[in-house]
Amino acid sequence: MSTYVLNGSGQVGGVVSVAIALLTPLLDALSGALAQVLDSLGLNVAQTDVALLSVDCGRPRLVY
């Protein structure tokens, strides 16, 4: 059984924690279904392709 705590933000934090606890199973199932659909379409979320355009070996310097 989950424990719901009213944290520093008072009742709002308690309502948010209850809402998250109630929605998590639904959102997990939806996430899995969406991942399967995207995978079948050949789409990847949160990925990017990176290509090197040029390399310049000039004078060394400290970059911060």
Protein backbone atom coordinates (compact mmCIF):
# COMPACT_ATOMS: atom_id res chain seq x y z
CA MET A 1 0.00 0.00 0.00
CA SER A 2 1.30 3.46 -0.88
CA THR A 3 1.75 6.24 1.63
CA TYR A 4 0.66 9.73 0.66
CA VAL A 5 2.39 12.55 2.46
CA LEU A 6 1.54 16.24 2.56
CA ASN A 7 4.97 17.76 2.05
CA GLY A 8 6.23 21.33 2.26
CA SER A 9 3.73 22.66 -0.27
CA GLY A 10 0.78 21.57 1.87
CA GLN A 11 -2.40 20.18 0.38
CA VAL A 12 -1.32 20.83 -3.21
CA GLY A 13 1.63 18.47 -2.77
CA GLY A 14 -0.69 15.84 -1.33
CA VAL A 15 -3.12 16.14 -4.23
CA VAL A 16 -0.29 15.95 -6.75
CA SER A 17 1.21 12.87 -5.09
CA VAL A 18 -2.18 11.13 -5.12
CA ALA A 19 -2.77 12.09 -8.78
CA ILE A 20 0.67 10.78 -9.76
CA ALA A 21 0.08 7.54 -7.88
CA LEU A 22 -3.28 7.05 -9.62
CA LEU A 23 -2.04 7.96 -13.11
CA THR A 24 1.28 6.07 -13.06
CA PRO A 25 -0.14 2.63 -14.03
CA LEU A 26 -2.20 4.15 -16.85
CA LEU A 27 0.70 6.22 -18.17
CA ASP A 28 3.08 3.24 -17.97
CA ALA A 29 0.73 1.16 -20.13
CA LEU A 30 0.25 4.04 -22.56
CA SER A 31 4.01 4.54 -22.77
CA GLY A 32 4.57 0.90 -23.67
CA ALA A 33 1.88 0.97 -26.35
CA LEU A 34 3.23 4.21 -27.81
CA ALA A 35 6.76 2.81 -27.88
CA GLN A 36 5.55 -0.23 -29.84
CA VAL A 37 3.70 1.93 -32.37
CA LEU A 38 6.69 4.22 -32.87
CA ASP A 39 9.03 1.24 -33.18
CA SER A 40 6.82 -0.34 -35.83
CA LEU A 41 6.93 2.95 -37.76
CA GLY A 42 10.71 3.08 -37.46
CA LEU A 43 10.68 6.22 -35.31
CA ASN A 44 12.89 6.82 -32.30
CA VAL A 45 12.17 9.39 -29.63
CA ALA A 46 14.96 11.35 -27.91
CA GLN A 47 17.68 10.31 -30.35
CA THR A 48 19.71 12.39 -32.73
CA ASP A 49 22.36 11.85 -35.37
CA VAL A 50 25.58 13.79 -34.95
CA ALA A 51 28.11 14.35 -37.73
CA LEU A 52 31.53 15.96 -37.52
CA LEU A 53 31.78 18.87 -39.95
CA SER A 54 35.40 19.87 -39.44
CA VAL A 55 38.41 19.59 -37.17
CA ASP A 56 40.76 22.51 -36.58
CA CYS A 57 44.07 21.76 -34.87
CA GLY A 58 45.26 25.28 -34.29
CA ARG A 59 46.91 26.78 -31.25
CA PRO A 60 45.82 24.94 -28.07
CA ARG A 61 43.83 26.96 -25.53
CA LEU A 62 41.88 26.35 -22.37
CA VAL A 63 38.13 26.33 -22.90
CA TYR A 64 35.86 26.55 -19.89
